[in-house]
Protein backbone atom coordinates (compact mmCIF):
# COMPACT_ATOMS: atom_id res chain seq x y z
CA MET A 1 92.21 110.68 159.73
CA ARG A 2 91.07 110.82 157.08
CA VAL A 3 93.27 112.86 155.12
CA LEU A 4 96.41 110.92 156.74
CA THR A 5 94.75 108.13 155.10
CA GLY A 6 93.95 109.16 151.73
CA PHE A 7 97.43 110.99 151.59
CA VAL A 8 99.01 107.28 152.49
CA SER A 9 96.81 105.73 149.62
CA ALA A 10 97.94 108.07 147.03
CA LEU A 11 101.62 107.35 147.99
CA ALA A 12 101.16 103.99 147.36
CA TRP A 13 99.08 104.88 144.21
CA LEU A 14 101.98 106.84 142.91
CA SER A 15 105.36 104.35 144.20
CA CYS A 16 102.89 101.14 142.23
CA THR A 17 102.44 103.76 139.12
CA ALA A 18 106.25 104.48 139.15
CA ALA A 19 107.47 100.82 139.79
CA PHE A 20 105.61 99.96 136.85
CA ALA A 21 106.93 103.20 134.26
CA ALA A 22 108.95 101.94 131.57
CA GLN A 23 112.64 103.21 131.76
CA GLU A 24 112.99 106.19 128.94
CA LEU A 25 116.81 104.47 127.33
CA SER A 26 119.38 106.44 125.61
CA TRP A 27 121.65 104.39 123.29
CA ASP A 28 124.93 104.91 125.83
CA ASP A 29 122.65 103.36 128.00
CA LEU A 30 123.59 99.47 126.66
CA ILE A 31 126.84 99.94 126.90
CA PRO A 32 128.88 99.26 129.95
CA PRO A 33 130.43 101.80 131.67
CA GLY A 34 133.91 102.35 131.29
CA TYR A 35 133.80 100.25 127.67
CA GLU A 36 133.93 102.87 124.48
CA GLU A 37 134.24 101.31 121.36
CA PRO A 38 133.90 103.46 118.17
CA MET A 39 130.80 103.68 116.21
CA PRO A 40 130.71 104.36 111.95
CA ALA A 41 129.38 107.90 111.11
CA PRO A 42 125.83 108.08 110.97
CA GLN A 43 124.76 108.49 107.00
CA SER A 44 122.67 111.27 105.94
CA PRO A 45 119.40 109.48 104.40
CA HIS A 46 119.47 108.22 101.19
CA GLU A 47 116.76 108.33 98.30
CA LEU A 48 113.88 106.29 100.06
CA SER A 49 111.73 106.13 97.39
CA GLY A 50 113.18 102.72 96.96
CA MET A 51 113.15 101.60 100.48
CA SER A 52 111.50 98.25 99.64
CA GLU A 53 113.42 97.43 96.85
CA MET A 54 116.65 97.88 99.65
CA ILE A 55 114.12 95.43 102.01
CA ASP A 56 114.23 92.42 99.92
CA GLU A 57 118.03 92.45 98.35
CA SER A 58 119.38 89.31 98.49
CA GLY A 59 123.52 90.50 98.69
CA ASP A 60 125.81 89.84 101.63
CA PRO A 61 125.40 92.64 104.17
CA ALA A 62 128.26 94.24 105.28
CA GLU A 63 130.60 92.48 108.17
CA GLN A 64 129.25 93.62 112.23
CA LEU A 65 132.00 95.68 113.61
CA ASN A 66 131.92 94.02 117.05
CA PRO A 67 129.08 91.02 116.95
CA ALA A 68 129.81 90.08 120.98
CA ALA A 69 130.44 93.31 122.87
CA PRO A 70 129.62 93.16 126.39
CA VAL A 71 126.01 94.22 127.78
CA VAL A 72 124.26 95.48 130.68
CA GLU A 73 123.48 92.75 132.49
CA GLU A 74 121.54 94.85 134.80
CA LEU A 75 118.94 95.70 132.04
CA ASP A 76 117.52 92.62 132.02
CA GLY A 77 113.96 92.08 132.32
CA ARG A 78 113.43 95.17 132.70
CA GLU A 79 110.82 97.49 131.52
CA VAL A 80 112.11 100.25 129.35
CA ARG A 81 111.45 103.48 126.29
CA LEU A 82 114.28 103.20 123.59
CA PRO A 83 114.63 105.30 120.18
CA GLY A 84 115.37 104.10 117.31
CA TYR A 85 115.08 103.50 113.69
CA VAL A 86 113.84 100.17 112.15
CA VAL A 87 115.38 97.14 110.02
CA PRO A 88 112.88 95.27 108.98
CA LEU A 89 113.66 91.00 109.57
CA GLY A 90 110.47 89.72 109.45
CA LEU A 91 106.71 90.91 107.72
CA SER A 92 103.52 89.97 108.81
CA GLU A 93 100.49 91.09 106.59
CA GLY A 94 102.06 94.09 105.46
CA ARG A 95 103.73 95.26 108.68
CA VAL A 96 107.33 94.08 110.14
CA VAL A 97 106.59 92.67 112.67
CA GLU A 98 110.08 91.39 113.47
CA PHE A 99 113.15 94.19 113.38
CA LEU A 100 116.15 95.26 114.55
CA LEU A 101 115.83 98.39 116.33
CA VAL A 102 119.23 100.45 115.49
CA PRO A 103 120.88 104.20 116.83
CA TYR A 104 120.37 105.34 113.28
CA PHE A 105 119.09 105.33 109.69
CA GLY A 106 120.86 103.16 107.50
CA ALA A 107 122.51 100.88 110.04
CA CYS A 108 122.97 97.24 108.88
CA ILE A 109 122.00 98.55 104.90
CA HIS A 110 124.00 100.99 103.84
CA VAL A 111 126.99 101.39 106.23
CA PRO A 112 128.12 97.84 108.54
CA PRO A 113 125.36 97.62 111.31
CA PRO A 114 126.86 98.46 114.84
CA PRO A 115 128.66 96.71 117.89
CA SER A 116 125.79 94.03 118.89
CA ASN A 117 125.22 96.47 122.15
CA GLN A 118 123.97 98.61 119.91
CA ILE A 119 121.31 96.24 118.36
CA VAL A 120 117.77 95.03 119.56
CA HIS A 121 115.99 92.45 118.39
CA VAL A 122 112.46 93.52 118.89
CA ILE A 123 109.23 91.42 118.09
CA SER A 124 105.83 93.12 118.34
CA SER A 125 102.45 92.23 117.62
CA GLU A 126 100.69 95.21 116.40
CA GLY A 127 103.96 95.83 114.16
CA ILE A 128 104.98 98.82 112.12
CA GLU A 129 103.61 99.81 108.43
CA LEU A 130 106.18 99.24 105.69
CA ASP A 131 105.95 102.81 104.84
CA ALA A 132 106.75 104.48 107.80
CA LEU A 133 110.32 102.90 108.21
CA TYR A 134 111.63 105.80 107.45
CA GLN A 135 110.98 107.55 111.16
CA PRO A 136 112.16 106.96 114.08
CA PHE A 137 110.06 105.62 116.43
CA TRP A 138 109.97 104.50 120.82
CA ILE A 139 109.64 101.18 121.19
CA SER A 140 108.72 100.11 124.59
CA GLY A 141 108.81 96.58 126.53
CA PRO A 142 110.97 94.88 128.47
CA MET A 143 114.12 94.25 127.33
CA ARG A 144 115.94 90.44 127.98
CA VAL A 145 120.05 90.81 127.89
CA GLN A 146 120.31 88.28 124.97
CA ARG A 147 121.60 87.08 122.39
CA VAL A 148 119.95 87.07 118.55
CA GLU A 149 121.67 86.40 115.25
CA SER A 150 119.46 87.23 112.03
CA GLU A 151 121.22 87.57 109.13
CA LEU A 152 122.57 91.19 108.99
CA ALA A 153 123.74 91.41 112.13
CA THR A 154 123.89 89.85 115.90
CA ALA A 155 121.71 91.57 118.60
CA GLY A 156 123.00 91.75 121.68
CA TYR A 157 119.03 92.53 123.65
CA GLN A 158 115.96 92.35 122.57
CA ILE A 159 112.51 93.42 123.70
CA SER A 160 108.92 92.70 123.39
CA ALA A 161 107.31 95.49 122.08
CA SER A 162 104.20 96.08 124.35
CA GLN A 163 103.38 100.04 122.64
CA ILE A 164 105.72 101.58 120.03
CA GLU A 165 104.76 104.78 118.89
CA PRO A 166 106.42 107.96 116.16
CA TYR A 167 109.67 109.33 117.54
CA VAL A 168 108.27 112.88 117.81
CA TYR A 169 111.30 115.29 118.00
């Protein structure tokens, strides 16, 4: 009987743990089934030594491809984990605490922003060091299907980051 009770307890613990685990997403998961829109080809990385100057540029951003692209409503409220590149929007004490997460390096800075269903607005109390923005990151937290407009682009989703970690190839 004790073995059965222990087994049932272990199953209950595993099911609770699985229920709270973040759903790992790919960028394709943010596009509704059947919807297709061409994405610009990712650009090769540029010289990164001037990254801080690029962030401070005040030129007009390129026009976004589709600022009202359809989203996947079922993702609203889900705990997710998504990899991507950071486009800074807000700084606090040398750390980027508000940013756009995009699927490829240079989006919104060097090339036109992708459709809004390929941009996630992220707010983080932890933030990311400004010097680390050349690398991709995993962003985890609750996702909201929410349109967020910024000077650079319109995002179709928002994540309140509970965890940020470097993406390791």
